[in-house]
C-alpha atoms as a PDB file:
ATOM      1  CA  MET A   1       0.000   0.000   0.000  1.00  0.00           C
ATOM      2  CA  LYS A   2       1.316   3.432  -0.924  1.00  0.00           C
ATOM      3  CA  PRO A   3       1.788   5.976   1.880  1.00  0.00           C
ATOM      4  CA  SER A   4      -0.818   8.321   0.362  1.00  0.00           C
ATOM      5  CA  VAL A   5      -3.367   5.505   0.154  1.00  0.00           C
ATOM      6  CA  LEU A   6      -2.667   4.570   3.767  1.00  0.00           C
ATOM      7  CA  THR A   7      -2.991   8.199   4.843  1.00  0.00           C
ATOM      8  CA  ASP A   8      -6.264   8.555   2.948  1.00  0.00           C
ATOM      9  CA  SER A   9      -7.583   5.364   4.562  1.00  0.00           C
ATOM     10  CA  LEU A  10      -6.628   6.573   8.023  1.00  0.00           C
ATOM     11  CA  LEU A  11      -8.243   9.957   7.430  1.00  0.00           C
ATOM     12  CA  GLU A  12     -11.415   8.270   6.195  1.00  0.00           C
ATOM     13  CA  LEU A  13     -11.430   6.007   9.247  1.00  0.00           C
ATOM     14  CA  ALA A  14     -10.906   8.967  11.590  1.00  0.00           C
ATOM     15  CA  SER A  15     -13.713  10.857   9.875  1.00  0.00           C
ATOM     16  CA  ARG A  16     -16.107   7.926  10.216  1.00  0.00           C
ATOM     17  CA  LEU A  17     -15.164   7.479  13.875  1.00  0.00           C
ATOM     18  CA  SER A  18     -15.920  11.145  14.498  1.00  0.00           C
ATOM     19  CA  GLN A  19     -19.325  10.751  12.828  1.00  0.00           C
ATOM     20  CA  LEU A  20     -20.091   7.678  14.939  1.00  0.00           C
ATOM     21  CA  LYS A  21     -19.161   9.531  18.124  1.00  0.00           C
ATOM     22  CA  GLU A  22     -21.495  12.391  17.195  1.00  0.00           C
ATOM     23  CA  GLU A  23     -24.333   9.974  16.378  1.00  0.00           C
ATOM     24  CA  HIS A  24     -23.744   8.142  19.658  1.00  0.00           C
ATOM     25  CA  TYR A  25     -23.834  11.406  21.602  1.00  0.00           C
ATOM     26  CA  GLN A  26     -27.098  12.457  19.917  1.00  0.00           C
ATOM     27  CA  GLN A  27     -28.672   9.085  20.727  1.00  0.00           C
ATOM     28  CA  LEU A  28     -27.599   9.401  24.368  1.00  0.00           C
ATOM     29  CA  VAL A  29     -29.168  12.860  24.612  1.00  0.00           C
ATOM     30  CA  VAL A  30     -32.468  11.558  23.226  1.00  0.00           C
ATOM     31  CA  LEU A  31     -32.391   8.496  25.475  1.00  0.00           C
ATOM     32  CA  ASP A  32     -31.624  10.612  28.534  1.00  0.00           C
ATOM     33  CA  SER A  33     -34.516  12.933  27.688  1.00  0.00           C
ATOM     34  CA  LEU A  34     -36.931  10.035  27.239  1.00  0.00           C
ATOM     35  CA  ILE A  35     -35.909   8.449  30.532  1.00  0.00           C
ATOM     36  CA  GLU A  36     -36.257  11.772  32.333  1.00  0.00           C
ATOM     37  CA  LEU A  37     -39.760  12.275  30.916  1.00  0.00           C
ATOM     38  CA  LEU A  38     -40.862   8.743  31.818  1.00  0.00           C
ATOM     39  CA  VAL A  39     -39.671   9.219  35.392  1.00  0.00           C
ATOM     40  CA  GLU A  40     -41.187  12.718  35.682  1.00  0.00           C
ATOM     41  CA  LYS A  41     -44.564  11.434  34.461  1.00  0.00           C
ATOM     42  CA  GLY A  42     -44.469   8.522  36.881  1.00  0.00           C
ATOM     43  CA  VAL A  43     -44.446   5.880  34.161  1.00  0.00           C
ATOM     44  CA  LEU A  44     -41.243   4.347  35.543  1.00  0.00           C
ATOM     45  CA  THR A  45     -39.145   4.774  38.652  1.00  0.00           C
ATOM     46  CA  PRO A  46     -35.348   5.014  38.666  1.00  0.00           C
ATOM     47  CA  ASP A  47     -35.230   1.674  40.510  1.00  0.00           C
ATOM     48  CA  GLU A  48     -37.342   0.007  37.802  1.00  0.00           C
ATOM     49  CA  LEU A  49     -34.998   1.365  35.141  1.00  0.00           C
ATOM     50  CA  ARG A  50     -31.916   0.081  36.977  1.00  0.00           C
ATOM     51  CA  ARG A  51     -33.483  -3.341  37.487  1.00  0.00           C
ATOM     52  CA  LYS A  52     -34.454  -3.624  33.825  1.00  0.00           C
ATOM     53  CA  ALA A  53     -30.999  -2.475  32.716  1.00  0.00           C
ATOM     54  CA  ARG A  54     -29.402  -5.196  34.872  1.00  0.00           C
ATOM     55  CA  GLU A  55     -31.798  -7.805  33.472  1.00  0.00           C
ATOM     56  CA  SER A  56     -31.081  -6.745  29.895  1.00  0.00           C
ATOM     57  CA  GLU A  57     -27.336  -6.753  30.530  1.00  0.00           C
ATOM     58  CA  ALA A  58     -27.531 -10.265  31.988  1.00  0.00           C
ATOM     59  CA  GLU A  59     -29.463 -11.502  28.947  1.00  0.00           C
ATOM     60  CA  LEU A  60     -26.926  -9.964  26.566  1.00  0.00           C
ATOM     61  CA  GLU A  61     -24.051 -11.508  28.516  1.00  0.00           C
ATOM     62  CA  LEU A  62     -25.674 -14.941  28.357  1.00  0.00           C
ATOM     63  CA  GLU A  63     -26.144 -14.601  24.602  1.00  0.00           C
ATOM     64  CA  ALA A  64     -22.543 -13.466  24.115  1.00  0.00           C
ATOM     65  CA  GLY A  65     -21.052 -15.819  26.712  1.00  0.00           C
ATOM     66  CA  ALA A  66     -19.407 -12.851  28.424  1.00  0.00           C
ATOM     67  CA  GLY A  67     -18.717 -12.240  32.083  1.00  0.00           C
ATOM     68  CA  PRO A  68     -20.677  -9.802  34.256  1.00  0.00           C
ATOM     69  CA  ALA A  69     -20.465  -6.082  33.640  1.00  0.00           C
ATOM     70  CA  SER A  70     -21.603  -3.090  35.627  1.00  0.00           C
ATOM     71  CA  VAL A  71     -24.681  -1.233  34.381  1.00  0.00           C
ATOM     72  CA  MET A  72     -26.292   1.707  36.170  1.00  0.00           C
ATOM     73  CA  THR A  73     -25.091   0.775  39.634  1.00  0.00           C
END
């Protein structure tokens, strides 16, 4: 691979990573807003959200065969 091709590939990769980070941030803002509204309206409690997050994490770990991880503790 020529140096210019490698540089172009790295720049493209860095650009895509930056886009993914921005998309991730925007999704977190929306998710945070939705959770806050659900709690404010009394649809869910913070404890219910934590419990469900732990349950979901455990299910994902079983599917992936991974060890335990910490979620919303």
